[in-house]
C-alpha cells in the first residue's frame, strides 16, 4: 500500500542520513526530502517533482521545531503516531498544500 511504501522508504532514508543533514532522494516518481537534526529528531516529506525543495525543507524545519516543543524528548525513541498526539501537523500540511490552478 502507499502508506507502507511511505513508512518503509522514510525509515530507510532516515537510517542512512547523518545527524545534522538534509537531502532529497528520488524514489520511483517521488522526491523524498529528509531533515535529520543534530539531536536525532528527523522528518521526511514525500512530494512530486514539481513541489519546490526549498518549501519542503521550510515545512520540515517548522514541523520539527514545533514537534520538539510539544513532545517530550524522552518520548521520541519509543513514540509512534498511535502513541504521540501531534495535532499541529494537519495545520502545517494544510497551509503548505499546493492548490491546483
Protein backbone atom coordinates (compact mmCIF):
# COMPACT_ATOMS: atom_id res chain seq x y z
CA UNK A 1 0.00 0.00 0.00
CA UNK A 2 1.00 3.64 -0.29
CA UNK A 3 1.22 4.02 3.49
CA UNK A 4 3.57 1.05 3.75
CA UNK A 5 5.76 2.42 0.93
CA UNK A 6 5.96 5.80 2.67
CA UNK A 7 6.77 4.32 6.08
CA UNK A 8 9.41 1.91 4.75
CA UNK A 9 11.06 4.48 2.47
CA UNK A 10 11.08 7.15 5.17
CA UNK A 11 12.65 4.85 7.74
CA UNK A 12 15.32 3.70 5.28
CA UNK A 13 16.23 7.25 4.25
CA UNK A 14 16.46 8.45 7.86
CA UNK A 15 18.64 5.49 8.84
CA UNK A 16 21.05 6.30 6.00
CA UNK A 17 21.23 10.02 6.81
CA UNK A 18 23.80 11.61 9.09
CA UNK A 19 22.88 13.79 12.05
CA UNK A 20 22.51 17.42 11.02
CA UNK A 21 21.87 16.59 7.37
CA UNK A 22 19.31 17.38 4.70
CA UNK A 23 18.85 15.54 1.45
CA UNK A 24 16.45 14.92 -1.40
CA UNK A 25 16.26 11.35 -2.66
CA UNK A 26 14.46 10.20 -5.80
CA UNK A 27 12.31 7.11 -5.18
CA UNK A 28 10.08 5.92 -8.02
CA UNK A 29 8.17 9.01 -9.22
CA UNK A 30 8.58 10.86 -5.91
CA UNK A 31 11.19 13.05 -4.26
CA UNK A 32 11.75 12.23 -0.61
CA UNK A 33 13.09 15.20 1.35
CA UNK A 34 14.69 14.33 4.68
CA UNK A 35 15.89 16.53 7.51
CA UNK A 36 17.77 14.99 10.44
CA UNK A 37 18.56 17.33 13.29
CA UNK A 38 21.67 17.08 15.46
CA UNK A 39 19.51 15.83 18.35
CA UNK A 40 18.36 12.85 16.23
CA UNK A 41 14.84 14.06 15.53
CA UNK A 42 14.05 13.51 11.84
CA UNK A 43 11.25 14.12 9.37
CA UNK A 44 10.60 13.08 5.80
CA UNK A 45 8.35 14.77 3.27
CA UNK A 46 7.41 12.85 0.12
CA UNK A 47 6.34 15.02 -2.80
CA UNK A 48 6.24 15.02 -6.56
CA UNK A 49 9.00 16.58 -8.67
CA UNK A 50 7.09 19.85 -9.08
CA UNK A 51 6.92 20.79 -5.39
CA UNK A 52 9.81 23.19 -4.62
CA UNK A 53 12.51 21.61 -2.39
CA UNK A 54 13.06 24.93 -0.57
CA UNK A 55 9.43 24.90 0.55
CA UNK A 56 9.71 21.24 1.61
CA UNK A 57 12.69 21.97 3.85
CA UNK A 58 10.99 25.06 5.32
CA UNK A 59 7.99 22.91 6.21
CA UNK A 60 10.19 20.16 7.67
CA UNK A 61 12.06 22.69 9.83
CA UNK A 62 8.81 24.17 11.17
CA UNK A 63 7.29 20.75 11.88
CA UNK A 64 10.42 19.54 13.68
CA UNK A 65 10.70 22.72 15.75
CA UNK A 66 7.06 22.65 16.79
CA UNK A 67 7.12 18.89 17.47
CA UNK A 68 10.20 19.24 19.69
CA UNK A 69 8.42 21.95 21.71
CA UNK A 70 5.22 19.93 22.15
CA UNK A 71 6.55 16.39 22.66
CA UNK A 72 8.99 15.41 25.38
CA UNK A 73 12.38 14.24 24.07
CA UNK A 74 12.06 11.13 26.24
CA UNK A 75 9.04 10.07 24.13
CA UNK A 76 10.80 10.37 20.73
CA UNK A 77 12.57 6.97 20.58
CA UNK A 78 9.57 4.84 21.54
CA UNK A 79 6.81 7.03 20.12
CA UNK A 80 4.60 6.35 17.14
CA UNK A 81 1.62 8.10 15.53
CA UNK A 82 -0.58 5.87 17.69
CA UNK A 83 1.09 6.91 20.96
CA UNK A 84 2.05 10.54 20.33
CA UNK A 85 -0.62 13.08 19.50
CA UNK A 86 0.66 15.89 17.30
CA UNK A 87 -2.34 17.89 16.14
CA UNK A 88 -0.26 20.74 14.64
CA UNK A 89 0.82 18.54 11.71
CA UNK A 90 -2.56 18.79 9.98
CA UNK A 91 -2.40 22.58 10.10
CA UNK A 92 1.09 22.65 8.60
CA UNK A 93 0.10 20.24 5.81
CA UNK A 94 -2.99 22.26 5.00
CA UNK A 95 -1.05 25.53 4.92
CA UNK A 96 1.66 24.17 2.62
CA UNK A 97 -0.59 22.19 0.29
CA UNK A 98 -0.39 23.34 -3.32
CA UNK A 99 -3.81 24.16 -4.71
CA UNK A 100 -4.46 23.24 -8.36
CA UNK A 101 -4.90 26.24 -10.71
